[in-house]
Amino acid sequence: MSQPLLDIEHEVFVLFRRAFTLHVRTSVGKYELDRSAYGILLLLDDGGPMRLGQIALAYGLDPSTITRQVQGVVSQGLAEKHRDPDDRRATLLSITAEGRATLAAVREQRGRLLDALMAGWSDRQRNDLLAALRRVNDALEALVETSVSTDLLPV
């Protein structure tokens, strides 16, 4: 691996470690959400009521995994299950008012953290980071969609 790639790999590791540490230190109290709960609430808030299969598909996860994660947000009162009016055999998941308020509070808290983190950054620097993150996320999504095995990645 070239030195720039080694440096990038190291910085990504440090980023994830520090982000996780910050998440643990700031996710205390009423608005504590794990990664999966946050993702489910974002999806429901943006897309409206969804079947569990749609949520699983959106995150590329097995439906059994989503079922466990959904049970967590339902038991916390952040989302609720109800029958699909178009197909009474199917169940929909919707975000509750408490879920929406919790999501808004968490997003506000994370926004303040990002604002503090980038206090000395210009708008251009923030936009450059945003563009780079979108590019990385798009590339990661393409890898996931093609189900590339790590054995098949170039060495």
C-alpha atoms as a PDB file:
ATOM      1  CA  MET A   1       0.000   0.000   0.000  1.00  0.00           C
ATOM      2  CA  SER A   2       1.357   3.450  -0.864  1.00  0.00           C
ATOM      3  CA  GLN A   3       2.249   5.895   1.905  1.00  0.00           C
ATOM      4  CA  PRO A   4      -0.667   8.246   1.136  1.00  0.00           C
ATOM      5  CA  LEU A   5      -3.095   5.309   1.429  1.00  0.00           C
ATOM      6  CA  LEU A   6      -1.476   4.193   4.688  1.00  0.00           C
ATOM      7  CA  ASP A   7      -1.845   7.746   6.001  1.00  0.00           C
ATOM      8  CA  ILE A   8      -5.507   7.884   4.912  1.00  0.00           C
ATOM      9  CA  GLU A   9      -6.209   4.498   6.510  1.00  0.00           C
ATOM     10  CA  HIS A  10      -4.637   5.713   9.755  1.00  0.00           C
ATOM     11  CA  GLU A  11      -6.582   8.994   9.753  1.00  0.00           C
ATOM     12  CA  VAL A  12      -9.872   7.160   9.094  1.00  0.00           C
ATOM     13  CA  PHE A  13      -9.125   4.865  12.040  1.00  0.00           C
ATOM     14  CA  VAL A  14      -8.376   7.849  14.297  1.00  0.00           C
ATOM     15  CA  LEU A  15     -11.517   9.643  13.067  1.00  0.00           C
ATOM     16  CA  PHE A  16     -13.762   6.666  13.876  1.00  0.00           C
ATOM     17  CA  ARG A  17     -12.132   6.134  17.279  1.00  0.00           C
ATOM     18  CA  ARG A  18     -12.468   9.786  18.283  1.00  0.00           C
ATOM     19  CA  ALA A  19     -15.995  10.083  16.898  1.00  0.00           C
ATOM     20  CA  PHE A  20     -17.037   7.007  18.877  1.00  0.00           C
ATOM     21  CA  THR A  21     -15.432   8.376  22.053  1.00  0.00           C
ATOM     22  CA  LEU A  22     -17.207  11.702  21.564  1.00  0.00           C
ATOM     23  CA  HIS A  23     -20.497   9.905  20.895  1.00  0.00           C
ATOM     24  CA  VAL A  24     -20.178   7.920  24.125  1.00  0.00           C
ATOM     25  CA  ARG A  25     -19.313  11.021  26.152  1.00  0.00           C
ATOM     26  CA  THR A  26     -22.143  13.131  24.748  1.00  0.00           C
ATOM     27  CA  SER A  27     -24.909  10.512  24.377  1.00  0.00           C
ATOM     28  CA  VAL A  28     -26.062  10.562  27.945  1.00  0.00           C
ATOM     29  CA  GLY A  29     -29.533  11.045  29.313  1.00  0.00           C
ATOM     30  CA  LYS A  30     -32.868  11.364  27.601  1.00  0.00           C
ATOM     31  CA  TYR A  31     -31.491  11.687  24.065  1.00  0.00           C
ATOM     32  CA  GLU A  32     -29.181   8.695  23.950  1.00  0.00           C
ATOM     33  CA  LEU A  33     -29.538   6.956  20.586  1.00  0.00           C
ATOM     34  CA  ASP A  34     -27.386   4.179  19.246  1.00  0.00           C
ATOM     35  CA  ARG A  35     -26.320   4.212  15.602  1.00  0.00           C
ATOM     36  CA  SER A  36     -29.091   1.927  14.414  1.00  0.00           C
ATOM     37  CA  ALA A  37     -31.851   3.829  16.241  1.00  0.00           C
ATOM     38  CA  TYR A  38     -30.582   7.128  14.854  1.00  0.00           C
ATOM     39  CA  GLY A  39     -30.519   5.705  11.317  1.00  0.00           C
ATOM     40  CA  ILE A  40     -34.016   4.246  11.583  1.00  0.00           C
ATOM     41  CA  LEU A  41     -35.437   7.507  12.914  1.00  0.00           C
ATOM     42  CA  LEU A  42     -33.731   9.505  10.148  1.00  0.00           C
ATOM     43  CA  LEU A  43     -35.179   7.185   7.531  1.00  0.00           C
ATOM     44  CA  LEU A  44     -38.701   7.360   8.972  1.00  0.00           C
ATOM     45  CA  ASP A  45     -38.540  11.119   9.431  1.00  0.00           C
ATOM     46  CA  ASP A  46     -37.410  11.636   5.831  1.00  0.00           C
ATOM     47  CA  GLY A  47     -39.470   8.922   4.135  1.00  0.00           C
ATOM     48  CA  GLY A  48     -42.577   8.504   6.258  1.00  0.00           C
ATOM     49  CA  PRO A  49     -44.033   5.160   7.375  1.00  0.00           C
ATOM     50  CA  MET A  50     -42.184   2.119   6.014  1.00  0.00           C
ATOM     51  CA  ARG A  51     -42.345  -1.644   6.085  1.00  0.00           C
ATOM     52  CA  LEU A  52     -39.510  -3.389   7.875  1.00  0.00           C
ATOM     53  CA  GLY A  53     -38.328  -4.858   4.575  1.00  0.00           C
ATOM     54  CA  GLN A  54     -37.962  -1.356   3.134  1.00  0.00           C
ATOM     55  CA  ILE A  55     -35.844  -0.304   6.100  1.00  0.00           C
ATOM     56  CA  ALA A  56     -33.683  -3.420   5.770  1.00  0.00           C
ATOM     57  CA  LEU A  57     -33.237  -2.763   2.051  1.00  0.00           C
ATOM     58  CA  ALA A  58     -32.343   0.895   2.632  1.00  0.00           C
ATOM     59  CA  TYR A  59     -29.529  -0.121   4.979  1.00  0.00           C
ATOM     60  CA  GLY A  60     -28.494  -3.299   3.183  1.00  0.00           C
ATOM     61  CA  LEU A  61     -29.200  -5.402   6.252  1.00  0.00           C
ATOM     62  CA  ASP A  62     -30.925  -8.688   6.880  1.00  0.00           C
ATOM     63  CA  PRO A  63     -34.589  -8.276   7.909  1.00  0.00           C
ATOM     64  CA  SER A  64     -33.933 -10.214  11.146  1.00  0.00           C
ATOM     65  CA  THR A  65     -31.308  -7.645  12.115  1.00  0.00           C
ATOM     66  CA  ILE A  66     -33.707  -4.794  11.410  1.00  0.00           C
ATOM     67  CA  THR A  67     -36.446  -6.515  13.424  1.00  0.00           C
ATOM     68  CA  ARG A  68     -34.246  -6.455  16.542  1.00  0.00           C
ATOM     69  CA  GLN A  69     -33.233  -2.846  15.959  1.00  0.00           C
ATOM     70  CA  VAL A  70     -36.814  -1.748  15.299  1.00  0.00           C
ATOM     71  CA  GLN A  71     -37.943  -3.403  18.521  1.00  0.00           C
ATOM     72  CA  GLY A  72     -35.515  -1.128  20.362  1.00  0.00           C
ATOM     73  CA  VAL A  73     -36.967   2.112  18.964  1.00  0.00           C
ATOM     74  CA  VAL A  74     -40.524   0.833  19.471  1.00  0.00           C
ATOM     75  CA  SER A  75     -39.858  -0.130  23.110  1.00  0.00           C
ATOM     76  CA  GLN A  76     -38.418   3.357  23.727  1.00  0.00           C
ATOM     77  CA  GLY A  77     -41.562   4.952  22.303  1.00  0.00           C
ATOM     78  CA  LEU A  78     -39.630   6.556  19.431  1.00  0.00           C
ATOM     79  CA  ALA A  79     -41.505   4.661  16.712  1.00  0.00           C
ATOM     80  CA  GLU A  80     -44.694   2.644  16.501  1.00  0.00           C
ATOM     81  CA  LYS A  81     -45.939  -0.288  14.471  1.00  0.00           C
ATOM     82  CA  HIS A  82     -49.331  -0.302  12.786  1.00  0.00           C
ATOM     83  CA  ARG A  83     -51.126  -2.153  10.001  1.00  0.00           C
ATOM     84  CA  ASP A  84     -50.539  -1.034   6.435  1.00  0.00           C
ATOM     85  CA  PRO A  85     -53.897   0.361   5.224  1.00  0.00           C
ATOM     86  CA  ASP A  86     -53.073  -0.860   1.698  1.00  0.00           C
ATOM     87  CA  ASP A  87     -52.268  -4.403   2.847  1.00  0.00           C
ATOM     88  CA  ARG A  88     -53.646  -5.359   6.255  1.00  0.00           C
ATOM     89  CA  ARG A  89     -51.225  -8.313   6.400  1.00  0.00           C
ATOM     90  CA  ALA A  90     -48.232  -5.962   6.397  1.00  0.00           C
ATOM     91  CA  THR A  91     -46.892  -3.834   9.235  1.00  0.00           C
ATOM     92  CA  LEU A  92     -45.649  -0.278   8.887  1.00  0.00           C
ATOM     93  CA  LEU A  93     -43.287   1.550  11.189  1.00  0.00           C
ATOM     94  CA  SER A  94     -43.792   5.265  11.845  1.00  0.00           C
ATOM     95  CA  ILE A  95     -41.821   7.761  13.875  1.00  0.00           C
ATOM     96  CA  THR A  96     -43.699   9.057  16.936  1.00  0.00           C
ATOM     97  CA  ALA A  97     -43.811  12.645  18.179  1.00  0.00           C
ATOM     98  CA  GLU A  98     -41.325  11.631  20.880  1.00  0.00           C
ATOM     99  CA  GLY A  99     -39.103  10.052  18.234  1.00  0.00           C
ATOM    100  CA  ARG A 100     -39.223  13.219  16.143  1.00  0.00           C
ATOM    101  CA  ALA A 101     -38.402  15.376  19.196  1.00  0.00           C
ATOM    102  CA  THR A 102     -35.547  13.068  20.196  1.00  0.00           C
ATOM    103  CA  LEU A 103     -34.146  13.079  16.666  1.00  0.00           C
ATOM    104  CA  ALA A 104     -34.340  16.884  16.535  1.00  0.00           C
ATOM    105  CA  ALA A 105     -32.569  17.184  19.902  1.00  0.00           C
ATOM    106  CA  VAL A 106     -29.805  14.786  18.877  1.00  0.00           C
ATOM    107  CA  ARG A 107     -29.330  16.572  15.542  1.00  0.00           C
ATOM    108  CA  GLU A 108     -29.169  19.915  17.365  1.00  0.00           C
ATOM    109  CA  GLN A 109     -26.586  18.536  19.791  1.00  0.00           C
ATOM    110  CA  ARG A 110     -24.496  17.090  16.960  1.00  0.00           C
ATOM    111  CA  GLY A 111     -24.821  20.353  15.048  1.00  0.00           C
ATOM    112  CA  ARG A 112     -23.385  22.262  18.014  1.00  0.00           C
ATOM    113  CA  LEU A 113     -20.506  19.780  18.231  1.00  0.00           C
ATOM    114  CA  LEU A 114     -19.747  20.144  14.516  1.00  0.00           C
ATOM    115  CA  ASP A 115     -19.985  23.918  14.807  1.00  0.00           C
ATOM    116  CA  ALA A 116     -17.443  23.874  17.646  1.00  0.00           C
ATOM    117  CA  LEU A 117     -15.236  21.421  15.773  1.00  0.00           C
ATOM    118  CA  MET A 118     -15.147  23.598  12.661  1.00  0.00           C
ATOM    119  CA  ALA A 119     -15.249  27.009  14.325  1.00  0.00           C
ATOM    120  CA  GLY A 120     -12.079  28.133  12.564  1.00  0.00           C
ATOM    121  CA  TRP A 121     -13.022  26.703   9.171  1.00  0.00           C
ATOM    122  CA  SER A 122     -14.075  28.865   6.259  1.00  0.00           C
ATOM    123  CA  ASP A 123     -17.252  28.122   4.305  1.00  0.00           C
ATOM    124  CA  ARG A 124     -15.050  26.880   1.481  1.00  0.00           C
ATOM    125  CA  GLN A 125     -13.234  24.435   3.773  1.00  0.00           C
ATOM    126  CA  ARG A 126     -16.551  23.143   5.120  1.00  0.00           C
ATOM    127  CA  ASN A 127     -17.896  22.719   1.584  1.00  0.00           C
ATOM    128  CA  ASP A 128     -14.692  20.963   0.491  1.00  0.00           C
ATOM    129  CA  LEU A 129     -15.038  18.502   3.367  1.00  0.00           C
ATOM    130  CA  LEU A 130     -18.699  17.946   2.505  1.00  0.00           C
ATOM    131  CA  ALA A 131     -17.827  17.235  -1.131  1.00  0.00           C
ATOM    132  CA  ALA A 132     -15.063  14.806  -0.121  1.00  0.00           C
ATOM    133  CA  LEU A 133     -17.339  12.988   2.347  1.00  0.00           C
ATOM    134  CA  ARG A 134     -20.075  12.662  -0.264  1.00  0.00           C
ATOM    135  CA  ARG A 135     -17.564  11.255  -2.729  1.00  0.00           C
ATOM    136  CA  VAL A 136     -16.301   8.710  -0.194  1.00  0.00           C
ATOM    137  CA  ASN A 137     -19.861   7.737   0.789  1.00  0.00           C
ATOM    138  CA  ASP A 138     -20.870   7.332  -2.866  1.00  0.00           C
ATOM    139  CA  ALA A 139     -17.848   5.102  -3.490  1.00  0.00           C
ATOM    140  CA  LEU A 140     -18.621   3.035  -0.383  1.00  0.00           C
ATOM    141  CA  GLU A 141     -22.239   2.667  -1.462  1.00  0.00           C
ATOM    142  CA  ALA A 142     -21.132   1.468  -4.892  1.00  0.00           C
ATOM    143  CA  LEU A 143     -18.886  -1.153  -3.270  1.00  0.00           C
ATOM    144  CA  VAL A 144     -21.712  -2.322  -1.024  1.00  0.00           C
ATOM    145  CA  GLU A 145     -24.204  -2.463  -3.905  1.00  0.00           C
ATOM    146  CA  THR A 146     -21.903  -4.630  -5.977  1.00  0.00           C
ATOM    147  CA  SER A 147     -21.229  -6.826  -2.928  1.00  0.00           C
ATOM    148  CA  VAL A 148     -17.527  -6.746  -3.571  1.00  0.00           C
ATOM    149  CA  SER A 149     -15.695  -9.216  -1.402  1.00  0.00           C
ATOM    150  CA  THR A 150     -12.521  -7.908   0.207  1.00  0.00           C
ATOM    151  CA  ASP A 151     -10.807 -10.854  -1.497  1.00  0.00           C
ATOM    152  CA  LEU A 152     -11.638  -9.288  -4.859  1.00  0.00           C
ATOM    153  CA  LEU A 153     -10.333  -5.824  -4.089  1.00  0.00           C
ATOM    154  CA  PRO A 154      -7.090  -4.838  -5.812  1.00  0.00           C
ATOM    155  CA  VAL A 155      -3.963  -5.422  -3.757  1.00  0.00           C
END
